[in-house]
């Protein structure tokens, strides 16, 4: 159950999904203040730590926010041994298809053409289920452990089941904008993980960067995979596809790729994520 408080959508206290381990609790934001704390954490990680360039209003408020925050569910990891804003130690932004009126309201359409997610072939694959966009993921530095991420994904797994999600998707970042340094990584993603032709997701015209720098046998596959950002490797381990074309994000100093993860394709060894 959700209710609108100020301009954000927050969870009601009787929302049934919660994951707890010791002092760490993972759930949707219950108050406007919790959402603001998550935005402050995003600012600290993205702008203070990673060196992204904030707009004037974002810099003045010391929190990362945009209009997408108004329609998303805000997943938080909370350390109940702390107080105030320090309690929020990780966040993820979740946007279900049923909450929007068209694909242009997904954040990913800023960089990628999602048209093929709405063609007849793809919709037949989805059946009566829906899409879920994931984004704005970050964890406070001292909490960047497998244990915290495991708890976050335990929650996401239950959220997927509750809301009948067929595919997860979103933008994931490779650090840096110098394409020469990313040629092997991008070539690996293109040759081994590209979205199927029937529902290929290309970068938008005018923003698309090359991915197919090397022929399939002309680079070291293992080294290229090893160099990928941890979040991208995590999605690959779950069985995701990668869209066709990368996009340079000058504000965040990254090269973005499109992630499409079919729930039905997740490797069997990860199915425990979906157990209650």
C-alpha atoms as a PDB file:
ATOM      1  CA  UNK A   1       0.000   0.000   0.000  1.00  0.00           C
ATOM      2  CA  UNK A   2       1.250   3.520  -0.746  1.00  0.00           C
ATOM      3  CA  UNK A   3       0.080   7.021  -0.004  1.00  0.00           C
ATOM      4  CA  UNK A   4       1.154  10.455  -1.248  1.00  0.00           C
ATOM      5  CA  UNK A   5       2.923  12.695   1.289  1.00  0.00           C
ATOM      6  CA  UNK A   6       3.979  16.120   0.031  1.00  0.00           C
ATOM      7  CA  UNK A   7       5.053  15.437  -3.549  1.00  0.00           C
ATOM      8  CA  UNK A   8       6.607  11.992  -3.039  1.00  0.00           C
ATOM      9  CA  UNK A   9       5.052   8.543  -2.961  1.00  0.00           C
ATOM     10  CA  UNK A  10       5.861   6.793   0.306  1.00  0.00           C
ATOM     11  CA  UNK A  11       4.996   3.380   1.683  1.00  0.00           C
ATOM     12  CA  UNK A  12       2.339   2.979   4.323  1.00  0.00           C
ATOM     13  CA  UNK A  13       3.440   1.419   7.594  1.00  0.00           C
ATOM     14  CA  UNK A  14       1.516  -1.765   6.854  1.00  0.00           C
ATOM     15  CA  UNK A  15       3.505  -2.472   3.678  1.00  0.00           C
ATOM     16  CA  UNK A  16       4.236  -6.211   3.989  1.00  0.00           C
ATOM     17  CA  UNK A  17       7.730  -6.288   2.438  1.00  0.00           C
ATOM     18  CA  UNK A  18      10.620  -5.906   4.848  1.00  0.00           C
ATOM     19  CA  UNK A  19      14.000  -7.609   5.208  1.00  0.00           C
ATOM     20  CA  UNK A  20      15.845  -7.401   8.536  1.00  0.00           C
ATOM     21  CA  UNK A  21      19.246  -8.661   9.672  1.00  0.00           C
ATOM     22  CA  UNK A  22      20.515  -7.404  13.018  1.00  0.00           C
ATOM     23  CA  UNK A  23      20.430  -3.600  13.017  1.00  0.00           C
ATOM     24  CA  UNK A  24      19.997  -3.411   9.236  1.00  0.00           C
ATOM     25  CA  UNK A  25      16.450  -3.082   7.925  1.00  0.00           C
ATOM     26  CA  UNK A  26      15.538  -2.917   4.230  1.00  0.00           C
ATOM     27  CA  UNK A  27      12.147  -1.501   3.229  1.00  0.00           C
ATOM     28  CA  UNK A  28      10.444   1.258   1.277  1.00  0.00           C
ATOM     29  CA  UNK A  29      10.653   4.792   2.641  1.00  0.00           C
ATOM     30  CA  UNK A  30       7.901   5.484   5.168  1.00  0.00           C
ATOM     31  CA  UNK A  31       8.281   9.262   5.475  1.00  0.00           C
ATOM     32  CA  UNK A  32       9.226  12.249   3.393  1.00  0.00           C
ATOM     33  CA  UNK A  33      12.251  12.759   5.673  1.00  0.00           C
ATOM     34  CA  UNK A  34      13.506   9.263   4.838  1.00  0.00           C
ATOM     35  CA  UNK A  35      13.297  10.029   1.124  1.00  0.00           C
ATOM     36  CA  UNK A  36      15.221  13.256   1.689  1.00  0.00           C
ATOM     37  CA  UNK A  37      17.870  11.326   3.628  1.00  0.00           C
ATOM     38  CA  UNK A  38      18.216   8.945   0.684  1.00  0.00           C
ATOM     39  CA  UNK A  39      18.640  11.903  -1.671  1.00  0.00           C
ATOM     40  CA  UNK A  40      21.323  13.347   0.608  1.00  0.00           C
ATOM     41  CA  UNK A  41      23.155  10.022   0.524  1.00  0.00           C
ATOM     42  CA  UNK A  42      22.940  10.020  -3.279  1.00  0.00           C
ATOM     43  CA  UNK A  43      24.445  13.524  -3.310  1.00  0.00           C
ATOM     44  CA  UNK A  44      27.289  12.464  -1.037  1.00  0.00           C
ATOM     45  CA  UNK A  45      28.121   9.424  -3.174  1.00  0.00           C
ATOM     46  CA  UNK A  46      27.521  10.793  -6.676  1.00  0.00           C
ATOM     47  CA  UNK A  47      28.727  14.375  -6.291  1.00  0.00           C
ATOM     48  CA  UNK A  48      31.051  14.570  -3.271  1.00  0.00           C
ATOM     49  CA  UNK A  49      32.670  11.171  -3.707  1.00  0.00           C
ATOM     50  CA  UNK A  50      32.441  10.431  -7.430  1.00  0.00           C
ATOM     51  CA  UNK A  51      32.839  14.007  -8.666  1.00  0.00           C
ATOM     52  CA  UNK A  52      29.622  14.373 -10.678  1.00  0.00           C
ATOM     53  CA  UNK A  53      28.583  17.931 -11.557  1.00  0.00           C
ATOM     54  CA  UNK A  54      25.413  19.060  -9.770  1.00  0.00           C
ATOM     55  CA  UNK A  55      22.982  21.656 -11.065  1.00  0.00           C
ATOM     56  CA  UNK A  56      22.770  24.873  -9.052  1.00  0.00           C
ATOM     57  CA  UNK A  57      19.602  23.831  -7.235  1.00  0.00           C
ATOM     58  CA  UNK A  58      20.931  20.341  -6.455  1.00  0.00           C
ATOM     59  CA  UNK A  59      24.191  21.838  -5.150  1.00  0.00           C
ATOM     60  CA  UNK A  60      22.376  24.395  -3.029  1.00  0.00           C
ATOM     61  CA  UNK A  61      20.230  21.739  -1.337  1.00  0.00           C
ATOM     62  CA  UNK A  62      23.010  19.120  -1.063  1.00  0.00           C
ATOM     63  CA  UNK A  63      20.687  16.351  -2.213  1.00  0.00           C
ATOM     64  CA  UNK A  64      20.321  14.517  -5.528  1.00  0.00           C
ATOM     65  CA  UNK A  65      16.760  14.839  -6.802  1.00  0.00           C
ATOM     66  CA  UNK A  66      14.713  15.102  -9.992  1.00  0.00           C
ATOM     67  CA  UNK A  67      11.096  14.778 -11.093  1.00  0.00           C
ATOM     68  CA  UNK A  68      11.391  10.985 -11.368  1.00  0.00           C
ATOM     69  CA  UNK A  69      11.610  10.860  -7.564  1.00  0.00           C
ATOM     70  CA  UNK A  70       7.974  11.910  -7.436  1.00  0.00           C
ATOM     71  CA  UNK A  71       6.665   8.698  -9.038  1.00  0.00           C
ATOM     72  CA  UNK A  72       9.213   6.126  -7.826  1.00  0.00           C
ATOM     73  CA  UNK A  73       9.196   3.877  -4.798  1.00  0.00           C
ATOM     74  CA  UNK A  74      12.284   4.592  -2.702  1.00  0.00           C
ATOM     75  CA  UNK A  75      13.993   1.480  -1.366  1.00  0.00           C
ATOM     76  CA  UNK A  76      16.197   2.139   1.654  1.00  0.00           C
ATOM     77  CA  UNK A  77      18.610   0.173   3.807  1.00  0.00           C
ATOM     78  CA  UNK A  78      18.531   1.561   7.326  1.00  0.00           C
ATOM     79  CA  UNK A  79      20.942   1.057  10.208  1.00  0.00           C
ATOM     80  CA  UNK A  80      18.721   1.217  13.279  1.00  0.00           C
ATOM     81  CA  UNK A  81      21.729   1.705  15.554  1.00  0.00           C
ATOM     82  CA  UNK A  82      22.134   5.208  14.056  1.00  0.00           C
ATOM     83  CA  UNK A  83      19.984   8.340  14.320  1.00  0.00           C
ATOM     84  CA  UNK A  84      18.780  11.013  11.932  1.00  0.00           C
ATOM     85  CA  UNK A  85      19.913  11.005   8.305  1.00  0.00           C
ATOM     86  CA  UNK A  86      22.832   8.727   9.232  1.00  0.00           C
ATOM     87  CA  UNK A  87      20.344   5.853   9.531  1.00  0.00           C
ATOM     88  CA  UNK A  88      19.968   5.627   5.734  1.00  0.00           C
ATOM     89  CA  UNK A  89      22.951   3.680   4.447  1.00  0.00           C
ATOM     90  CA  UNK A  90      21.806   2.588   0.965  1.00  0.00           C
ATOM     91  CA  UNK A  91      19.096   3.361  -1.545  1.00  0.00           C
ATOM     92  CA  UNK A  92      17.592   2.169  -4.816  1.00  0.00           C
ATOM     93  CA  UNK A  93      14.902   3.858  -6.909  1.00  0.00           C
ATOM     94  CA  UNK A  94      12.119   1.582  -8.235  1.00  0.00           C
ATOM     95  CA  UNK A  95       9.656   2.548 -10.967  1.00  0.00           C
ATOM     96  CA  UNK A  96       6.899   0.120 -11.967  1.00  0.00           C
ATOM     97  CA  UNK A  97       5.311   0.278 -15.407  1.00  0.00           C
ATOM     98  CA  UNK A  98       1.813   0.486 -13.931  1.00  0.00           C
ATOM     99  CA  UNK A  99       2.685   3.834 -12.330  1.00  0.00           C
ATOM    100  CA  UNK A 100       3.368   5.650 -15.613  1.00  0.00           C
ATOM    101  CA  UNK A 101       1.260   6.585 -18.631  1.00  0.00           C
ATOM    102  CA  UNK A 102       3.893   5.895 -21.311  1.00  0.00           C
ATOM    103  CA  UNK A 103       7.463   4.728 -21.856  1.00  0.00           C
ATOM    104  CA  UNK A 104       8.735   8.327 -22.068  1.00  0.00           C
ATOM    105  CA  UNK A 105       8.215   8.558 -18.303  1.00  0.00           C
ATOM    106  CA  UNK A 106      10.962   6.004 -17.643  1.00  0.00           C
ATOM    107  CA  UNK A 107      14.323   7.571 -16.788  1.00  0.00           C
ATOM    108  CA  UNK A 108      16.123   5.308 -19.272  1.00  0.00           C
ATOM    109  CA  UNK A 109      14.449   7.074 -22.208  1.00  0.00           C
ATOM    110  CA  UNK A 110      16.825   9.977 -21.572  1.00  0.00           C
ATOM    111  CA  UNK A 111      19.525   7.808 -23.175  1.00  0.00           C
ATOM    112  CA  UNK A 112      17.957   4.737 -24.832  1.00  0.00           C
ATOM    113  CA  UNK A 113      15.116   3.959 -27.244  1.00  0.00           C
ATOM    114  CA  UNK A 114      12.712   1.636 -25.421  1.00  0.00           C
ATOM    115  CA  UNK A 115      10.301   1.199 -28.347  1.00  0.00           C
ATOM    116  CA  UNK A 116      11.022  -2.513 -28.728  1.00  0.00           C
ATOM    117  CA  UNK A 117       9.883  -3.153 -25.165  1.00  0.00           C
ATOM    118  CA  UNK A 118       6.421  -2.333 -26.491  1.00  0.00           C
ATOM    119  CA  UNK A 119       6.388  -4.366 -29.701  1.00  0.00           C
ATOM    120  CA  UNK A 120       4.040  -7.343 -30.085  1.00  0.00           C
ATOM    121  CA  UNK A 121       6.808  -9.947 -29.752  1.00  0.00           C
ATOM    122  CA  UNK A 122       8.082  -8.558 -26.458  1.00  0.00           C
ATOM    123  CA  UNK A 123       4.625  -8.048 -25.014  1.00  0.00           C
ATOM    124  CA  UNK A 124       3.811 -11.681 -25.752  1.00  0.00           C
ATOM    125  CA  UNK A 125       6.922 -12.697 -23.802  1.00  0.00           C
ATOM    126  CA  UNK A 126       5.775 -10.592 -20.853  1.00  0.00           C
ATOM    127  CA  UNK A 127       2.259 -12.018 -20.682  1.00  0.00           C
ATOM    128  CA  UNK A 128       0.268 -10.352 -17.905  1.00  0.00           C
ATOM    129  CA  UNK A 129       3.369  -9.113 -16.079  1.00  0.00           C
ATOM    130  CA  UNK A 130       5.042  -5.688 -16.113  1.00  0.00           C
ATOM    131  CA  UNK A 131       8.383  -3.870 -16.337  1.00  0.00           C
ATOM    132  CA  UNK A 132      10.377  -2.521 -13.395  1.00  0.00           C
ATOM    133  CA  UNK A 133      13.038   0.155 -13.837  1.00  0.00           C
ATOM    134  CA  UNK A 134      15.870   0.261 -11.298  1.00  0.00           C
ATOM    135  CA  UNK A 135      18.088   3.288 -10.812  1.00  0.00           C
ATOM    136  CA  UNK A 136      20.003   5.688  -8.586  1.00  0.00           C
ATOM    137  CA  UNK A 137      21.616   2.864  -6.619  1.00  0.00           C
ATOM    138  CA  UNK A 138      24.216   3.780  -4.020  1.00  0.00           C
ATOM    139  CA  UNK A 139      25.593   2.561  -0.696  1.00  0.00           C
ATOM    140  CA  UNK A 140      27.421   4.528   1.994  1.00  0.00           C
ATOM    141  CA  UNK A 141      31.133   3.769   1.766  1.00  0.00           C
ATOM    142  CA  UNK A 142      31.549   1.961   5.079  1.00  0.00           C
ATOM    143  CA  UNK A 143      28.590  -0.324   4.288  1.00  0.00           C
ATOM    144  CA  UNK A 144      29.708  -1.520   0.852  1.00  0.00           C
ATOM    145  CA  UNK A 145      29.638  -5.212   1.610  1.00  0.00           C
ATOM    146  CA  UNK A 146      28.087  -8.217  -0.059  1.00  0.00           C
ATOM    147  CA  UNK A 147      25.860  -8.625   2.986  1.00  0.00           C
ATOM    148  CA  UNK A 148      24.162  -5.241   2.523  1.00  0.00           C
ATOM    149  CA  UNK A 149      23.645  -5.750  -1.209  1.00  0.00           C
ATOM    150  CA  UNK A 150      22.280  -9.237  -0.538  1.00  0.00           C
ATOM    151  CA  UNK A 151      19.651  -7.767   1.799  1.00  0.00           C
ATOM    152  CA  UNK A 152      18.717  -5.129  -0.790  1.00  0.00           C
ATOM    153  CA  UNK A 153      18.234  -7.815  -3.419  1.00  0.00           C
ATOM    154  CA  UNK A 154      16.247  -9.990  -1.028  1.00  0.00           C
ATOM    155  CA  UNK A 155      13.795  -7.116  -0.833  1.00  0.00           C
ATOM    156  CA  UNK A 156      13.797  -6.551  -4.602  1.00  0.00           C
ATOM    157  CA  UNK A 157      13.082 -10.243  -5.144  1.00  0.00           C
ATOM    158  CA  UNK A 158       9.989 -10.082  -2.961  1.00  0.00           C
ATOM    159  CA  UNK A 159       8.922  -6.814  -4.582  1.00  0.00           C
ATOM    160  CA  UNK A 160       9.213  -8.499  -8.007  1.00  0.00           C
ATOM    161  CA  UNK A 161       6.969 -11.327  -6.879  1.00  0.00           C
ATOM    162  CA  UNK A 162       4.386  -9.036  -5.302  1.00  0.00           C
ATOM    163  CA  UNK A 163       4.068  -6.785  -8.355  1.00  0.00           C
ATOM    164  CA  UNK A 164       4.326  -9.494 -11.064  1.00  0.00           C
ATOM    165  CA  UNK A 165       7.487  -8.185 -12.703  1.00  0.00           C
ATOM    166  CA  UNK A 166       8.659  -9.845 -15.926  1.00  0.00           C
ATOM    167  CA  UNK A 167      11.758  -7.769 -16.692  1.00  0.00           C
ATOM    168  CA  UNK A 168      14.060  -5.482 -14.745  1.00  0.00           C
ATOM    169  CA  UNK A 169      15.865  -2.763 -16.645  1.00  0.00           C
ATOM    170  CA  UNK A 170      17.822   0.450 -16.257  1.00  0.00           C
ATOM    171  CA  UNK A 171      21.045   2.282 -17.000  1.00  0.00           C
ATOM    172  CA  UNK A 172      24.310   1.038 -15.510  1.00  0.00           C
ATOM    173  CA  UNK A 173      27.579   2.917 -15.628  1.00  0.00           C
ATOM    174  CA  UNK A 174      31.158   2.195 -16.573  1.00  0.00           C
ATOM    175  CA  UNK A 175      33.478   4.731 -14.910  1.00  0.00           C
ATOM    176  CA  UNK A 176      35.002   7.302 -17.255  1.00  0.00           C
ATOM    177  CA  UNK A 177      34.126   8.907 -20.578  1.00  0.00           C
ATOM    178  CA  UNK A 178      37.335   8.137 -22.487  1.00  0.00           C
ATOM    179  CA  UNK A 179      36.132   5.481 -24.900  1.00  0.00           C
ATOM    180  CA  UNK A 180      39.627   4.307 -25.786  1.00  0.00           C
ATOM    181  CA  UNK A 181      39.985   2.954 -22.245  1.00  0.00           C
ATOM    182  CA  UNK A 182      36.659   1.113 -22.457  1.00  0.00           C
ATOM    183  CA  UNK A 183      36.936  -0.490 -25.899  1.00  0.00           C
ATOM    184  CA  UNK A 184      37.538  -4.038 -24.666  1.00  0.00           C
ATOM    185  CA  UNK A 185      34.783  -3.852 -22.033  1.00  0.00           C
ATOM    186  CA  UNK A 186      32.233  -2.493 -24.490  1.00  0.00           C
ATOM    187  CA  UNK A 187      33.227  -5.043 -27.148  1.00  0.00           C
ATOM    188  CA  UNK A 188      32.777  -7.840 -24.625  1.00  0.00           C
ATOM    189  CA  UNK A 189      29.286  -6.618 -23.711  1.00  0.00           C
ATOM    190  CA  UNK A 190      28.349  -6.282 -27.379  1.00  0.00           C
ATOM    191  CA  UNK A 191      29.551  -9.698 -28.522  1.00  0.00           C
ATOM    192  CA  UNK A 192      28.479 -11.794 -25.531  1.00  0.00           C
ATOM    193  CA  UNK A 193      25.453 -10.070 -23.998  1.00  0.00           C
ATOM    194  CA  UNK A 194      23.668  -7.875 -26.552  1.00  0.00           C
ATOM    195  CA  UNK A 195      19.875  -7.782 -26.427  1.00  0.00           C
ATOM    196  CA  UNK A 196      18.235 -10.125 -28.981  1.00  0.00           C
ATOM    197  CA  UNK A 197      17.390  -8.573 -32.350  1.00  0.00           C
ATOM    198  CA  UNK A 198      13.655  -9.077 -31.774  1.00  0.00           C
ATOM    199  CA  UNK A 199      13.752  -6.595 -28.905  1.00  0.00           C
ATOM    200  CA  UNK A 200      17.083  -4.859 -29.268  1.00  0.00           C
ATOM    201  CA  UNK A 201      17.398  -1.668 -27.226  1.00  0.00           C
ATOM    202  CA  UNK A 202      19.632   0.878 -28.993  1.00  0.00           C
ATOM    203  CA  UNK A 203      21.111   4.061 -27.613  1.00  0.00           C
ATOM    204  CA  UNK A 204      19.233   7.128 -28.850  1.00  0.00           C
ATOM    205  CA  UNK A 205      20.303   8.655 -32.136  1.00  0.00           C
ATOM    206  CA  UNK A 206      22.759  11.474 -31.532  1.00  0.00           C
ATOM    207  CA  UNK A 207      23.947  10.000 -28.229  1.00  0.00           C
ATOM    208  CA  UNK A 208      25.039   6.497 -29.271  1.00  0.00           C
ATOM    209  CA  UNK A 209      28.686   5.533 -28.865  1.00  0.00           C
ATOM    210  CA  UNK A 210      30.353   2.568 -30.568  1.00  0.00           C
ATOM    211  CA  UNK A 211      30.463  -0.737 -28.707  1.00  0.00           C
ATOM    212  CA  UNK A 212      31.779  -3.112 -31.375  1.00  0.00           C
ATOM    213  CA  UNK A 213      35.408  -1.949 -31.311  1.00  0.00           C
ATOM    214  CA  UNK A 214      37.006  -5.374 -31.698  1.00  0.00           C
ATOM    215  CA  UNK A 215      36.029  -8.537 -33.519  1.00  0.00           C
ATOM    216  CA  UNK A 216      34.863 -11.299 -31.184  1.00  0.00           C
ATOM    217  CA  UNK A 217      38.223 -13.090 -31.203  1.00  0.00           C
ATOM    218  CA  UNK A 218      40.460  -9.999 -31.195  1.00  0.00           C
ATOM    219  CA  UNK A 219      40.473  -9.135 -27.475  1.00  0.00           C
ATOM    220  CA  UNK A 220      40.982 -10.902 -24.166  1.00  0.00           C
ATOM    221  CA  UNK A 221      37.489 -11.857 -22.989  1.00  0.00           C
ATOM    222  CA  UNK A 222      38.348 -12.683 -19.372  1.00  0.00           C
ATOM    223  CA  UNK A 223      40.332  -9.481 -18.839  1.00  0.00           C
ATOM    224  CA  UNK A 224      37.555  -7.351 -20.343  1.00  0.00           C
ATOM    225  CA  UNK A 225      34.957  -8.914 -18.041  1.00  0.00           C
ATOM    226  CA  UNK A 226      37.220  -8.547 -15.014  1.00  0.00           C
ATOM    227  CA  UNK A 227      37.524  -4.794 -15.620  1.00  0.00           C
ATOM    228  CA  UNK A 228      33.761  -4.183 -15.684  1.00  0.00           C
ATOM    229  CA  UNK A 229      32.150  -2.171 -12.890  1.00  0.00           C
ATOM    230  CA  UNK A 230      30.918  -4.435 -10.035  1.00  0.00           C
ATOM    231  CA  UNK A 231      27.247  -3.508 -10.561  1.00  0.00           C
ATOM    232  CA  UNK A 232      27.441  -4.421 -14.264  1.00  0.00           C
ATOM    233  CA  UNK A 233      29.120  -7.735 -13.454  1.00  0.00           C
ATOM    234  CA  UNK A 234      26.437  -8.402 -10.870  1.00  0.00           C
ATOM    235  CA  UNK A 235      23.685  -7.977 -13.451  1.00  0.00           C
ATOM    236  CA  UNK A 236      25.596 -10.178 -15.917  1.00  0.00           C
ATOM    237  CA  UNK A 237      25.828 -12.898 -13.269  1.00  0.00           C
ATOM    238  CA  UNK A 238      22.053 -12.783 -12.948  1.00  0.00           C
ATOM    239  CA  UNK A 239      21.656 -13.277 -16.706  1.00  0.00           C
ATOM    240  CA  UNK A 240      21.024  -9.795 -18.106  1.00  0.00           C
ATOM    241  CA  UNK A 241      21.226  -8.541 -21.666  1.00  0.00           C
ATOM    242  CA  UNK A 242      22.996  -5.315 -22.664  1.00  0.00           C
ATOM    243  CA  UNK A 243      21.526  -2.797 -25.115  1.00  0.00           C
ATOM    244  CA  UNK A 244      23.168  -1.890 -28.408  1.00  0.00           C
ATOM    245  CA  UNK A 245      25.217   1.284 -27.965  1.00  0.00           C
ATOM    246  CA  UNK A 246      26.672   3.181 -25.029  1.00  0.00           C
ATOM    247  CA  UNK A 247      25.950   6.770 -23.944  1.00  0.00           C
ATOM    248  CA  UNK A 248      28.397   9.233 -22.416  1.00  0.00           C
ATOM    249  CA  UNK A 249      27.023  10.960 -19.316  1.00  0.00           C
ATOM    250  CA  UNK A 250      29.152  14.085 -18.965  1.00  0.00           C
ATOM    251  CA  UNK A 251      27.459  15.153 -15.732  1.00  0.00           C
ATOM    252  CA  UNK A 252      28.387  11.951 -13.920  1.00  0.00           C
ATOM    253  CA  UNK A 253      31.626  11.263 -15.809  1.00  0.00           C
ATOM    254  CA  UNK A 254      30.474   7.804 -16.881  1.00  0.00           C
ATOM    255  CA  UNK A 255      29.692   5.731 -19.941  1.00  0.00           C
ATOM    256  CA  UNK A 256      26.234   4.223 -19.580  1.00  0.00           C
ATOM    257  CA  UNK A 257      24.916   0.933 -20.939  1.00  0.00           C
ATOM    258  CA  UNK A 258      21.376  -0.428 -20.925  1.00  0.00           C
ATOM    259  CA  UNK A 259      20.588  -3.418 -18.708  1.00  0.00           C
ATOM    260  CA  UNK A 260      17.645  -5.734 -19.451  1.00  0.00           C
ATOM    261  CA  UNK A 261      17.151  -8.633 -17.038  1.00  0.00           C
ATOM    262  CA  UNK A 262      14.440 -11.244 -17.744  1.00  0.00           C
ATOM    263  CA  UNK A 263      13.226 -12.699 -14.478  1.00  0.00           C
ATOM    264  CA  UNK A 264      12.775 -16.066 -16.198  1.00  0.00           C
ATOM    265  CA  UNK A 265      16.436 -16.094 -17.302  1.00  0.00           C
ATOM    266  CA  UNK A 266      18.041 -15.706 -13.905  1.00  0.00           C
ATOM    267  CA  UNK A 267      20.563 -18.462 -13.269  1.00  0.00           C
ATOM    268  CA  UNK A 268      19.303 -21.252 -10.970  1.00  0.00           C
ATOM    269  CA  UNK A 269      22.017 -20.606  -8.401  1.00  0.00           C
ATOM    270  CA  UNK A 270      20.466 -17.172  -7.755  1.00  0.00           C
ATOM    271  CA  UNK A 271      16.881 -18.329  -7.344  1.00  0.00           C
ATOM    272  CA  UNK A 272      17.286 -18.244  -3.563  1.00  0.00           C
ATOM    273  CA  UNK A 273      16.947 -14.459  -3.879  1.00  0.00           C
ATOM    274  CA  UNK A 274      13.274 -15.053  -4.553  1.00  0.00           C
ATOM    275  CA  UNK A 275      12.550 -17.193  -1.534  1.00  0.00           C
ATOM    276  CA  UNK A 276      10.630 -15.738   1.397  1.00  0.00           C
END
